[in-house]
Amino acid sequence: MASKSVVGRICSYIADVKAEIGKVTWPSRKEVIVTTIVVFVMALIASLFFALVDTAWYKVVHAIIGQ
């Protein structure tokens, strides 16, 4: 098995990367906007949930401790 030179391997790698990028199905602008909004809404819901749970635990612990 003949070993390729470093330059040959780099060129082969770049060609492989270009071929793989050509196979990628890129999302449309609308899909990106919709998924971004979904992520922000879910982050907001999660932060509100954890804030409520944290507040509840705070009140429970302080009721037990009596402070």
PDB file of N, CA and C in Angstrom:
ATOM      1  N   MET A   1       0.849  -1.173   0.000  1.00  0.00           N
ATOM      2  CA  MET A   1       0.000   0.000   0.000  1.00  0.00           C
ATOM      3  C   MET A   1       0.888   1.227   0.000  1.00  0.00           C
ATOM      4  N   ALA A   2       0.700   2.058  -0.997  1.00  0.00           N
ATOM      5  CA  ALA A   2       1.504   3.272  -1.119  1.00  0.00           C
ATOM      6  C   ALA A   2       0.926   4.360  -0.223  1.00  0.00           C
ATOM      7  N   SER A   3       1.787   5.021   0.502  1.00  0.00           N
ATOM      8  CA  SER A   3       1.366   6.088   1.396  1.00  0.00           C
ATOM      9  C   SER A   3       1.286   7.397   0.629  1.00  0.00           C
ATOM     10  N   LYS A   4       0.182   8.114   0.791  1.00  0.00           N
ATOM     11  CA  LYS A   4       0.029   9.414   0.149  1.00  0.00           C
ATOM     12  C   LYS A   4       0.862  10.446   0.900  1.00  0.00           C
ATOM     13  N   SER A   5       1.245  11.489   0.181  1.00  0.00           N
ATOM     14  CA  SER A   5       1.952  12.577   0.841  1.00  0.00           C
ATOM     15  C   SER A   5       0.968  13.364   1.696  1.00  0.00           C
ATOM     16  N   VAL A   6       1.499  14.203   2.533  1.00  0.00           N
ATOM     17  CA  VAL A   6       0.662  15.013   3.415  1.00  0.00           C
ATOM     18  C   VAL A   6      -0.248  15.910   2.583  1.00  0.00           C
ATOM     19  N   VAL A   7       0.296  16.508   1.553  1.00  0.00           N
ATOM     20  CA  VAL A   7      -0.491  17.399   0.693  1.00  0.00           C
ATOM     21  C   VAL A   7      -1.604  16.608  -0.003  1.00  0.00           C
ATOM     22  N   GLY A   8      -1.296  15.408  -0.458  1.00  0.00           N
ATOM     23  CA  GLY A   8      -2.293  14.570  -1.101  1.00  0.00           C
ATOM     24  C   GLY A   8      -3.423  14.193  -0.164  1.00  0.00           C
ATOM     25  N   ARG A   9      -3.070  13.893   1.090  1.00  0.00           N
ATOM     26  CA  ARG A   9      -4.093  13.552   2.079  1.00  0.00           C
ATOM     27  C   ARG A   9      -4.969  14.751   2.410  1.00  0.00           C
ATOM     28  N   ILE A  10      -4.371  15.927   2.492  1.00  0.00           N
ATOM     29  CA  ILE A  10      -5.133  17.143   2.770  1.00  0.00           C
ATOM     30  C   ILE A  10      -6.094  17.431   1.622  1.00  0.00           C
ATOM     31  N   CYS A  11      -5.613  17.319   0.391  1.00  0.00           N
ATOM     32  CA  CYS A  11      -6.471  17.544  -0.776  1.00  0.00           C
ATOM     33  C   CYS A  11      -7.606  16.528  -0.825  1.00  0.00           C
ATOM     34  N   SER A  12      -7.313  15.295  -0.499  1.00  0.00           N
ATOM     35  CA  SER A  12      -8.334  14.254  -0.469  1.00  0.00           C
ATOM     36  C   SER A  12      -9.370  14.553   0.613  1.00  0.00           C
ATOM     37  N   TYR A  13      -8.903  14.991   1.758  1.00  0.00           N
ATOM     38  CA  TYR A  13      -9.804  15.338   2.855  1.00  0.00           C
ATOM     39  C   TYR A  13     -10.724  16.482   2.450  1.00  0.00           C
ATOM     40  N   ILE A  14     -10.182  17.517   1.841  1.00  0.00           N
ATOM     41  CA  ILE A  14     -10.980  18.670   1.417  1.00  0.00           C
ATOM     42  C   ILE A  14     -12.017  18.244   0.376  1.00  0.00           C
ATOM     43  N   ALA A  15     -11.636  17.390  -0.542  1.00  0.00           N
ATOM     44  CA  ALA A  15     -12.580  16.895  -1.552  1.00  0.00           C
ATOM     45  C   ALA A  15     -13.702  16.094  -0.894  1.00  0.00           C
ATOM     46  N   ASP A  16     -13.361  15.282   0.107  1.00  0.00           N
ATOM     47  CA  ASP A  16     -14.369  14.506   0.832  1.00  0.00           C
ATOM     48  C   ASP A  16     -15.335  15.428   1.595  1.00  0.00           C
ATOM     49  N   VAL A  17     -14.791  16.473   2.197  1.00  0.00           N
ATOM     50  CA  VAL A  17     -15.627  17.428   2.934  1.00  0.00           C
ATOM     51  C   VAL A  17     -16.595  18.119   1.981  1.00  0.00           C
ATOM     52  N   LYS A  18     -16.108  18.548   0.825  1.00  0.00           N
ATOM     53  CA  LYS A  18     -16.980  19.198  -0.164  1.00  0.00           C
ATOM     54  C   LYS A  18     -18.090  18.247  -0.614  1.00  0.00           C
ATOM     55  N   ALA A  19     -17.761  16.986  -0.824  1.00  0.00           N
ATOM     56  CA  ALA A  19     -18.759  16.007  -1.242  1.00  0.00           C
ATOM     57  C   ALA A  19     -19.818  15.810  -0.164  1.00  0.00           C
ATOM     58  N   GLU A  20     -19.407  15.739   1.097  1.00  0.00           N
ATOM     59  CA  GLU A  20     -20.359  15.546   2.190  1.00  0.00           C
ATOM     60  C   GLU A  20     -21.235  16.773   2.393  1.00  0.00           C
ATOM     61  N   ILE A  21     -20.666  17.972   2.265  1.00  0.00           N
ATOM     62  CA  ILE A  21     -21.453  19.201   2.411  1.00  0.00           C
ATOM     63  C   ILE A  21     -22.512  19.275   1.325  1.00  0.00           C
ATOM     64  N   GLY A  22     -22.196  18.757   0.148  1.00  0.00           N
ATOM     65  CA  GLY A  22     -23.171  18.732  -0.937  1.00  0.00           C
ATOM     66  C   GLY A  22     -24.354  17.828  -0.647  1.00  0.00           C
ATOM     67  N   LYS A  23     -24.202  16.864   0.250  1.00  0.00           N
ATOM     68  CA  LYS A  23     -25.277  15.930   0.598  1.00  0.00           C
ATOM     69  C   LYS A  23     -26.189  16.463   1.704  1.00  0.00           C
ATOM     70  N   VAL A  24     -25.771  17.529   2.367  1.00  0.00           N
ATOM     71  CA  VAL A  24     -26.522  18.061   3.499  1.00  0.00           C
ATOM     72  C   VAL A  24     -27.814  18.712   3.016  1.00  0.00           C
ATOM     73  N   THR A  25     -28.901  18.444   3.728  1.00  0.00           N
ATOM     74  CA  THR A  25     -30.168  19.117   3.453  1.00  0.00           C
ATOM     75  C   THR A  25     -30.272  20.289   4.416  1.00  0.00           C
ATOM     76  N   TRP A  26     -30.108  21.485   3.897  1.00  0.00           N
ATOM     77  CA  TRP A  26     -30.112  22.671   4.729  1.00  0.00           C
ATOM     78  C   TRP A  26     -31.549  23.113   4.987  1.00  0.00           C
ATOM     79  N   PRO A  27     -31.844  23.582   6.201  1.00  0.00           N
ATOM     80  CA  PRO A  27     -33.207  24.028   6.504  1.00  0.00           C
ATOM     81  C   PRO A  27     -33.519  25.349   5.802  1.00  0.00           C
ATOM     82  N   SER A  28     -34.805  25.564   5.559  1.00  0.00           N
ATOM     83  CA  SER A  28     -35.215  26.825   4.949  1.00  0.00           C
ATOM     84  C   SER A  28     -35.178  27.927   6.012  1.00  0.00           C
ATOM     85  N   ARG A  29     -35.287  29.152   5.554  1.00  0.00           N
ATOM     86  CA  ARG A  29     -35.284  30.287   6.478  1.00  0.00           C
ATOM     87  C   ARG A  29     -36.468  30.176   7.445  1.00  0.00           C
ATOM     88  N   LYS A  30     -37.633  29.775   6.930  1.00  0.00           N
ATOM     89  CA  LYS A  30     -38.827  29.641   7.771  1.00  0.00           C
ATOM     90  C   LYS A  30     -38.618  28.576   8.842  1.00  0.00           C
ATOM     91  N   GLU A  31     -38.024  27.448   8.479  1.00  0.00           N
ATOM     92  CA  GLU A  31     -37.764  26.383   9.457  1.00  0.00           C
ATOM     93  C   GLU A  31     -36.823  26.866  10.558  1.00  0.00           C
ATOM     94  N   VAL A  32     -35.817  27.631  10.189  1.00  0.00           N
ATOM     95  CA  VAL A  32     -34.864  28.153  11.181  1.00  0.00           C
ATOM     96  C   VAL A  32     -35.572  29.112  12.137  1.00  0.00           C
ATOM     97  N   ILE A  33     -36.413  29.984  11.592  1.00  0.00           N
ATOM     98  CA  ILE A  33     -37.130  30.946  12.437  1.00  0.00           C
ATOM     99  C   ILE A  33     -38.074  30.223  13.389  1.00  0.00           C
ATOM    100  N   VAL A  34     -38.828  29.259  12.866  1.00  0.00           N
ATOM    101  CA  VAL A  34     -39.794  28.528  13.705  1.00  0.00           C
ATOM    102  C   VAL A  34     -39.082  27.759  14.801  1.00  0.00           C
ATOM    103  N   THR A  35     -38.022  27.054  14.472  1.00  0.00           N
ATOM    104  CA  THR A  35     -37.322  26.276  15.504  1.00  0.00           C
ATOM    105  C   THR A  35     -36.643  27.187  16.528  1.00  0.00           C
ATOM    106  N   THR A  36     -36.177  28.348  16.095  1.00  0.00           N
ATOM    107  CA  THR A  36     -35.580  29.303  17.036  1.00  0.00           C
ATOM    108  C   THR A  36     -36.628  29.800  18.024  1.00  0.00           C
ATOM    109  N   ILE A  37     -37.818  30.113  17.523  1.00  0.00           N
ATOM    110  CA  ILE A  37     -38.900  30.559  18.405  1.00  0.00           C
ATOM    111  C   ILE A  37     -39.273  29.449  19.383  1.00  0.00           C
ATOM    112  N   VAL A  38     -39.345  28.217  18.900  1.00  0.00           N
ATOM    113  CA  VAL A  38     -39.672  27.087  19.781  1.00  0.00           C
ATOM    114  C   VAL A  38     -38.631  26.949  20.882  1.00  0.00           C
ATOM    115  N   VAL A  39     -37.372  27.100  20.540  1.00  0.00           N
ATOM    116  CA  VAL A  39     -36.307  26.988  21.550  1.00  0.00           C
ATOM    117  C   VAL A  39     -36.455  28.087  22.598  1.00  0.00           C
ATOM    118  N   PHE A  40     -36.707  29.322  22.167  1.00  0.00           N
ATOM    119  CA  PHE A  40     -36.868  30.415  23.134  1.00  0.00           C
ATOM    120  C   PHE A  40     -38.089  30.200  24.036  1.00  0.00           C
ATOM    121  N   VAL A  41     -39.187  29.752  23.466  1.00  0.00           N
ATOM    122  CA  VAL A  41     -40.391  29.506  24.265  1.00  0.00           C
ATOM    123  C   VAL A  41     -40.146  28.387  25.273  1.00  0.00           C
ATOM    124  N   MET A  42     -39.513  27.306  24.839  1.00  0.00           N
ATOM    125  CA  MET A  42     -39.235  26.196  25.749  1.00  0.00           C
ATOM    126  C   MET A  42     -38.265  26.623  26.861  1.00  0.00           C
ATOM    127  N   ALA A  43     -37.289  27.447  26.530  1.00  0.00           N
ATOM    128  CA  ALA A  43     -36.359  27.946  27.543  1.00  0.00           C
ATOM    129  C   ALA A  43     -37.098  28.813  28.558  1.00  0.00           C
ATOM    130  N   LEU A  44     -38.029  29.630  28.088  1.00  0.00           N
ATOM    131  CA  LEU A  44     -38.819  30.471  28.980  1.00  0.00           C
ATOM    132  C   LEU A  44     -39.690  29.608  29.894  1.00  0.00           C
ATOM    133  N   ILE A  45     -40.348  28.607  29.333  1.00  0.00           N
ATOM    134  CA  ILE A  45     -41.190  27.704  30.132  1.00  0.00           C
ATOM    135  C   ILE A  45     -40.350  26.966  31.177  1.00  0.00           C
ATOM    136  N   ALA A  46     -39.184  26.464  30.768  1.00  0.00           N
ATOM    137  CA  ALA A  46     -38.312  25.742  31.706  1.00  0.00           C
ATOM    138  C   ALA A  46     -37.829  26.668  32.823  1.00  0.00           C
ATOM    139  N   SER A  47     -37.470  27.905  32.482  1.00  0.00           N
ATOM    140  CA  SER A  47     -36.981  28.826  33.516  1.00  0.00           C
ATOM    141  C   SER A  47     -38.093  29.180  34.497  1.00  0.00           C
ATOM    142  N   LEU A  48     -39.317  29.364  33.996  1.00  0.00           N
ATOM    143  CA  LEU A  48     -40.438  29.632  34.903  1.00  0.00           C
ATOM    144  C   LEU A  48     -40.723  28.429  35.807  1.00  0.00           C
ATOM    145  N   PHE A  49     -40.678  27.231  35.223  1.00  0.00           N
ATOM    146  CA  PHE A  49     -40.902  26.020  36.010  1.00  0.00           C
ATOM    147  C   PHE A  49     -39.871  25.896  37.132  1.00  0.00           C
ATOM    148  N   PHE A  50     -38.603  26.053  36.806  1.00  0.00           N
ATOM    149  CA  PHE A  50     -37.558  25.904  37.820  1.00  0.00           C
ATOM    150  C   PHE A  50     -37.598  27.029  38.843  1.00  0.00           C
ATOM    151  N   ALA A  51     -38.020  28.213  38.443  1.00  0.00           N
ATOM    152  CA  ALA A  51     -38.176  29.302  39.410  1.00  0.00           C
ATOM    153  C   ALA A  51     -39.282  28.971  40.396  1.00  0.00           C
ATOM    154  N   LEU A  52     -40.390  28.425  39.895  1.00  0.00           N
ATOM    155  CA  LEU A  52     -41.489  28.039  40.788  1.00  0.00           C
ATOM    156  C   LEU A  52     -41.085  26.912  41.733  1.00  0.00           C
ATOM    157  N   VAL A  53     -40.408  25.910  41.215  1.00  0.00           N
ATOM    158  CA  VAL A  53     -39.950  24.792  42.057  1.00  0.00           C
ATOM    159  C   VAL A  53     -38.963  25.295  43.106  1.00  0.00           C
ATOM    160  N   ASP A  54     -38.069  26.173  42.711  1.00  0.00           N
ATOM    161  CA  ASP A  54     -37.082  26.720  43.651  1.00  0.00           C
ATOM    162  C   ASP A  54     -37.786  27.508  44.758  1.00  0.00           C
ATOM    163  N   THR A  55     -38.757  28.317  44.378  1.00  0.00           N
ATOM    164  CA  THR A  55     -39.503  29.094  45.370  1.00  0.00           C
ATOM    165  C   THR A  55     -40.266  28.181  46.316  1.00  0.00           C
ATOM    166  N   ALA A  56     -40.877  27.139  45.773  1.00  0.00           N
ATOM    167  CA  ALA A  56     -41.625  26.197  46.618  1.00  0.00           C
ATOM    168  C   ALA A  56     -40.700  25.503  47.607  1.00  0.00           C
ATOM    169  N   TRP A  57     -39.550  25.026  47.133  1.00  0.00           N
ATOM    170  CA  TRP A  57     -38.600  24.359  48.040  1.00  0.00           C
ATOM    171  C   TRP A  57     -38.089  25.328  49.105  1.00  0.00           C
ATOM    172  N   TYR A  58     -37.854  26.569  48.717  1.00  0.00           N
ATOM    173  CA  TYR A  58     -37.403  27.586  49.667  1.00  0.00           C
ATOM    174  C   TYR A  58     -38.428  27.742  50.792  1.00  0.00           C
ATOM    175  N   LYS A  59     -39.711  27.835  50.398  1.00  0.00           N
ATOM    176  CA  LYS A  59     -40.756  28.020  51.413  1.00  0.00           C
ATOM    177  C   LYS A  59     -40.900  26.775  52.293  1.00  0.00           C
ATOM    178  N   VAL A  60     -40.807  25.574  51.703  1.00  0.00           N
ATOM    179  CA  VAL A  60     -40.915  24.338  52.469  1.00  0.00           C
ATOM    180  C   VAL A  60     -39.764  24.230  53.460  1.00  0.00           C
ATOM    181  N   VAL A  61     -38.566  24.479  53.018  1.00  0.00           N
ATOM    182  CA  VAL A  61     -37.393  24.374  53.901  1.00  0.00           C
ATOM    183  C   VAL A  61     -37.476  25.404  55.026  1.00  0.00           C
ATOM    184  N   HIS A  62     -37.856  26.609  54.703  1.00  0.00           N
ATOM    185  CA  HIS A  62     -37.963  27.637  55.747  1.00  0.00           C
ATOM    186  C   HIS A  62     -39.124  27.361  56.698  1.00  0.00           C
ATOM    187  N   ALA A  63     -40.170  26.706  56.232  1.00  0.00           N
ATOM    188  CA  ALA A  63     -41.272  26.336  57.126  1.00  0.00           C
ATOM    189  C   ALA A  63     -40.811  25.237  58.092  1.00  0.00           C
ATOM    190  N   ILE A  64     -39.982  24.318  57.601  1.00  0.00           N
ATOM    191  CA  ILE A  64     -39.464  23.241  58.448  1.00  0.00           C
ATOM    192  C   ILE A  64     -38.461  23.779  59.457  1.00  0.00           C
ATOM    193  N   ILE A  65     -37.556  24.611  58.987  1.00  0.00           N
ATOM    194  CA  ILE A  65     -36.506  25.149  59.853  1.00  0.00           C
ATOM    195  C   ILE A  65     -37.098  26.184  60.815  1.00  0.00           C
ATOM    196  N   GLY A  66     -38.076  26.938  60.341  1.00  0.00           N
ATOM    197  CA  GLY A  66     -38.733  27.920  61.198  1.00  0.00           C
ATOM    198  C   GLY A  66     -38.053  29.271  61.191  1.00  0.00           C
ATOM    199  N   GLN A  67     -37.432  29.618  60.090  1.00  0.00           N
ATOM    200  CA  GLN A  67     -36.781  30.934  60.006  1.00  0.00           C
ATOM    201  C   GLN A  67     -37.582  31.882  59.172  1.00  0.00           C
TER     202      GLN A  67
END
